């Protein structure tokens, strides 16, 4: 026979799980707001690629977008500059050292360097956004599973002679599932900022390249 305290504990768990799941979903008004990207969960609008015009006021890239990878020095410098762990002041010094020479040389070097940075950071940003959408799809699946488990838990709690072992097992599963769900939501809130951080990094590097070219 179930004790009153056990009933209260199970009901509290039921209500807590429901609040966590439905509250987390309700708190994401932007999820699927754009019909083009139904799995995009972030408040920030999804912009698939960073446009050149948004970050670059220098010369047209022309063939630089295709040729930058053929220059080992440019490839190495792009790989060094792209990560956000490199302070921007250090990045500026490296850019100034590379974008040297007369006006024509500076323009050529600066343009090909920016083309490499644009390609590298656009690719990284796309990979991050694809990962965000994969995690969002997993969250949707998890939410549906938890909904079903909560419904089953509610039915067990209302039963005249509930299966105590099954009730305890299901309660533990719901508790564990909601913990994982919330942890993933925290991860989503963090990674949703990353595409914007990458774009800001590219803008800062583009500005440093343009300054070195002048």
Protein backbone atom coordinates (compact mmCIF):
# COMPACT_ATOMS: atom_id res chain seq x y z
CA UNK A 1 0.00 0.00 0.00
CA UNK A 2 1.32 3.44 -0.92
CA UNK A 3 1.93 5.96 1.83
CA UNK A 4 0.64 9.53 1.50
CA UNK A 5 4.21 10.85 1.45
CA UNK A 6 5.03 8.65 -1.52
CA UNK A 7 1.95 9.93 -3.36
CA UNK A 8 3.02 13.52 -2.71
CA UNK A 9 6.56 12.83 -3.87
CA UNK A 10 5.38 11.24 -7.09
CA UNK A 11 2.97 14.09 -7.77
CA UNK A 12 5.65 16.68 -7.12
CA UNK A 13 7.91 14.87 -9.55
CA UNK A 14 5.13 14.79 -12.12
CA UNK A 15 4.50 18.52 -11.79
CA UNK A 16 8.20 19.37 -11.82
CA UNK A 17 8.81 17.33 -14.94
CA UNK A 18 5.84 18.88 -16.69
CA UNK A 19 6.97 22.40 -15.76
CA UNK A 20 10.50 21.78 -16.98
CA UNK A 21 9.49 20.29 -20.30
CA UNK A 22 6.61 22.55 -21.24
CA UNK A 23 8.29 25.63 -19.79
CA UNK A 24 11.44 24.98 -21.80
CA UNK A 25 9.47 24.59 -25.00
CA UNK A 26 7.20 27.56 -24.34
CA UNK A 27 10.26 29.69 -23.66
CA UNK A 28 11.46 29.28 -27.23
CA UNK A 29 9.10 31.40 -29.34
CA UNK A 30 11.66 31.58 -32.15
CA UNK A 31 11.79 27.80 -32.62
CA UNK A 32 10.63 27.20 -36.17
CA UNK A 33 9.47 30.83 -36.48
CA UNK A 34 10.98 30.97 -39.97
CA UNK A 35 9.29 28.27 -42.09
CA UNK A 36 12.47 27.92 -44.14
CA UNK A 37 14.32 26.65 -41.07
CA UNK A 38 11.83 24.67 -38.93
CA UNK A 39 14.59 23.18 -36.75
CA UNK A 40 16.27 26.48 -35.91
CA UNK A 41 15.77 27.03 -32.14
CA UNK A 42 17.64 30.29 -31.55
CA UNK A 43 16.23 33.73 -30.89
CA UNK A 44 18.76 35.04 -33.39
CA UNK A 45 17.51 34.75 -36.97
CA UNK A 46 19.26 32.13 -39.05
CA UNK A 47 21.37 33.64 -41.83
CA UNK A 48 23.02 30.70 -43.63
CA UNK A 49 26.09 32.58 -44.92
CA UNK A 50 27.96 35.76 -44.08
CA UNK A 51 27.75 38.00 -47.12
CA UNK A 52 30.90 39.71 -48.35
CA UNK A 53 29.17 43.11 -48.34
CA UNK A 54 28.31 42.76 -44.64
CA UNK A 55 31.94 42.61 -43.52
CA UNK A 56 34.17 43.77 -46.38
CA UNK A 57 34.59 47.21 -47.95
CA UNK A 58 37.78 46.35 -49.79
CA UNK A 59 38.42 45.41 -53.42
CA UNK A 60 36.30 42.74 -55.16
CA UNK A 61 37.46 39.24 -54.33
CA UNK A 62 37.31 38.02 -57.93
CA UNK A 63 39.54 34.94 -58.23
CA UNK A 64 40.89 35.24 -54.68
CA UNK A 65 38.06 33.06 -53.39
CA UNK A 66 39.38 30.21 -55.52
CA UNK A 67 43.12 30.79 -55.35
CA UNK A 68 43.84 31.53 -51.69
CA UNK A 69 44.21 27.86 -50.78
CA UNK A 70 47.06 27.47 -53.26
CA UNK A 71 49.25 29.74 -51.12
CA UNK A 72 50.63 27.80 -48.15
CA UNK A 73 51.50 30.97 -46.25
CA UNK A 74 47.94 32.26 -46.59
CA UNK A 75 46.49 28.92 -45.51
CA UNK A 76 48.71 28.85 -42.44
CA UNK A 77 47.87 32.44 -41.55
CA UNK A 78 44.13 31.87 -41.96
CA UNK A 79 44.34 28.85 -39.65
CA UNK A 80 46.15 30.97 -37.08
CA UNK A 81 43.87 34.01 -37.27
CA UNK A 82 40.46 32.35 -37.38
CA UNK A 83 40.27 30.91 -33.82
CA UNK A 84 38.81 33.35 -31.29
CA UNK A 85 41.38 32.29 -28.71
CA UNK A 86 43.95 34.44 -30.55
CA UNK A 87 43.62 38.00 -29.18
CA UNK A 88 42.61 40.46 -31.87
CA UNK A 89 45.66 42.63 -31.18
CA UNK A 90 47.92 39.67 -31.92
CA UNK A 91 45.90 39.00 -35.05
CA UNK A 92 46.37 42.61 -36.19
CA UNK A 93 50.13 42.36 -35.82
CA UNK A 94 50.24 39.15 -37.83
CA UNK A 95 48.07 40.71 -40.54
CA UNK A 96 50.26 43.82 -40.72
CA UNK A 97 53.36 41.67 -41.11
CA UNK A 98 51.78 39.74 -43.96
CA UNK A 99 50.06 42.62 -45.78
CA UNK A 100 53.28 44.48 -46.59
CA UNK A 101 54.91 46.02 -49.63
CA UNK A 102 53.79 48.66 -52.07
CA UNK A 103 50.12 49.56 -52.60
CA UNK A 104 49.60 46.91 -55.26
CA UNK A 105 51.19 44.16 -53.16
CA UNK A 106 49.18 45.15 -50.08
CA UNK A 107 45.95 45.06 -52.03
CA UNK A 108 46.70 41.66 -53.52
CA UNK A 109 47.82 40.11 -50.23
CA UNK A 110 44.98 41.66 -48.24
CA UNK A 111 42.33 40.53 -50.70
CA UNK A 112 43.53 36.94 -50.84
CA UNK A 113 43.89 36.82 -47.04
CA UNK A 114 40.35 38.07 -46.51
CA UNK A 115 39.04 35.57 -49.06
CA UNK A 116 40.61 32.79 -47.00
CA UNK A 117 39.22 34.12 -43.73
CA UNK A 118 35.75 34.46 -45.24
CA UNK A 119 35.79 30.89 -46.54
CA UNK A 120 37.17 29.44 -43.30
CA UNK A 121 34.85 31.27 -40.92
CA UNK A 122 31.79 30.82 -43.10
CA UNK A 123 32.48 27.08 -43.12
CA UNK A 124 32.96 26.97 -39.34
CA UNK A 125 29.77 28.96 -38.84
CA UNK A 126 27.80 26.60 -41.08
CA UNK A 127 29.12 23.60 -39.14
CA UNK A 128 28.04 25.21 -35.86
CA UNK A 129 24.55 25.98 -37.19
CA UNK A 130 24.15 22.44 -38.51
CA UNK A 131 25.11 21.16 -35.06
CA UNK A 132 22.59 23.48 -33.42
CA UNK A 133 19.81 22.11 -35.63
CA UNK A 134 20.82 18.52 -34.92
CA UNK A 135 20.65 19.21 -31.19
CA UNK A 136 17.31 20.97 -31.63
CA UNK A 137 15.87 17.92 -33.40
CA UNK A 138 17.08 15.72 -30.54
CA UNK A 139 15.39 18.07 -28.09
CA UNK A 140 12.11 17.84 -29.97
CA UNK A 141 12.30 14.05 -29.88
CA UNK A 142 13.18 14.12 -26.17
CA UNK A 143 10.28 16.45 -25.42
CA UNK A 144 7.82 14.09 -27.10
CA UNK A 145 9.24 11.14 -25.20
CA UNK A 146 8.98 12.96 -21.88
CA UNK A 147 5.43 14.02 -22.66
CA UNK A 148 4.50 10.39 -23.21
CA UNK A 149 6.24 9.30 -20.01
CA UNK A 150 4.52 12.03 -17.99
CA UNK A 151 1.15 10.97 -19.38
CA UNK A 152 1.86 7.36 -18.45
CA UNK A 153 3.04 8.43 -15.01
CA UNK A 154 -0.16 10.36 -14.49
CA UNK A 155 -2.25 7.33 -15.45
CA UNK A 156 -0.30 5.14 -13.02
CA UNK A 157 -0.75 7.65 -10.21
CA UNK A 158 -4.51 7.73 -10.81
CA UNK A 159 -4.87 3.95 -10.93
CA UNK A 160 -6.80 2.25 -8.10
CA UNK A 161 -4.03 -0.30 -7.54
CA UNK A 162 -0.93 1.07 -9.22
CA UNK A 163 2.14 -1.03 -9.92
CA UNK A 164 4.53 0.47 -7.38
CA UNK A 165 7.67 -0.89 -9.02
CA UNK A 166 6.64 0.44 -12.42
CA UNK A 167 5.65 3.79 -10.89
CA UNK A 168 9.03 4.14 -9.23
CA UNK A 169 10.91 3.13 -12.38
CA UNK A 170 8.94 5.54 -14.55
CA UNK A 171 9.34 8.37 -12.03
CA UNK A 172 13.11 7.86 -12.08
CA UNK A 173 13.14 7.84 -15.88
CA UNK A 174 11.14 11.05 -16.09
CA UNK A 175 13.41 12.75 -13.57
CA UNK A 176 16.55 11.65 -15.45
CA UNK A 177 15.12 12.59 -18.85
CA UNK A 178 14.15 16.07 -17.71
CA UNK A 179 17.61 16.66 -16.25
CA UNK A 180 19.21 15.75 -19.58
CA UNK A 181 16.66 17.91 -21.41
CA UNK A 182 17.49 20.93 -19.29
CA UNK A 183 21.25 20.43 -19.65
CA UNK A 184 20.86 20.32 -23.42
CA UNK A 185 18.75 23.48 -23.30
CA UNK A 186 21.58 25.23 -21.48
CA UNK A 187 23.95 24.04 -24.19
CA UNK A 188 21.59 25.35 -26.87
CA UNK A 189 21.42 28.77 -25.23
CA UNK A 190 25.22 28.94 -25.30
CA UNK A 191 25.82 27.65 -28.81
CA UNK A 192 23.12 29.93 -30.24
CA UNK A 193 25.55 32.78 -29.58
CA UNK A 194 28.43 31.19 -31.48
CA UNK A 195 27.38 32.06 -35.07
CA UNK A 196 27.21 35.74 -34.07
CA UNK A 197 30.60 35.51 -32.37
CA UNK A 198 32.11 34.04 -35.52
CA UNK A 199 30.61 36.83 -37.61
CA UNK A 200 32.00 39.42 -35.19
CA UNK A 201 35.41 37.78 -35.44
CA UNK A 202 35.34 37.93 -39.21
CA UNK A 203 34.28 41.58 -39.16
CA UNK A 204 37.16 42.49 -36.83
CA UNK A 205 39.67 40.60 -38.96
CA UNK A 206 38.32 42.15 -42.16
CA UNK A 207 38.71 45.61 -40.68
CA UNK A 208 42.31 44.80 -39.63
CA UNK A 209 43.09 43.59 -43.15
CA UNK A 210 41.64 46.74 -44.70
CA UNK A 211 43.61 48.96 -42.32
CA UNK A 212 46.81 47.11 -43.24
CA UNK A 213 46.05 47.64 -46.93
CA UNK A 214 45.66 51.42 -46.57
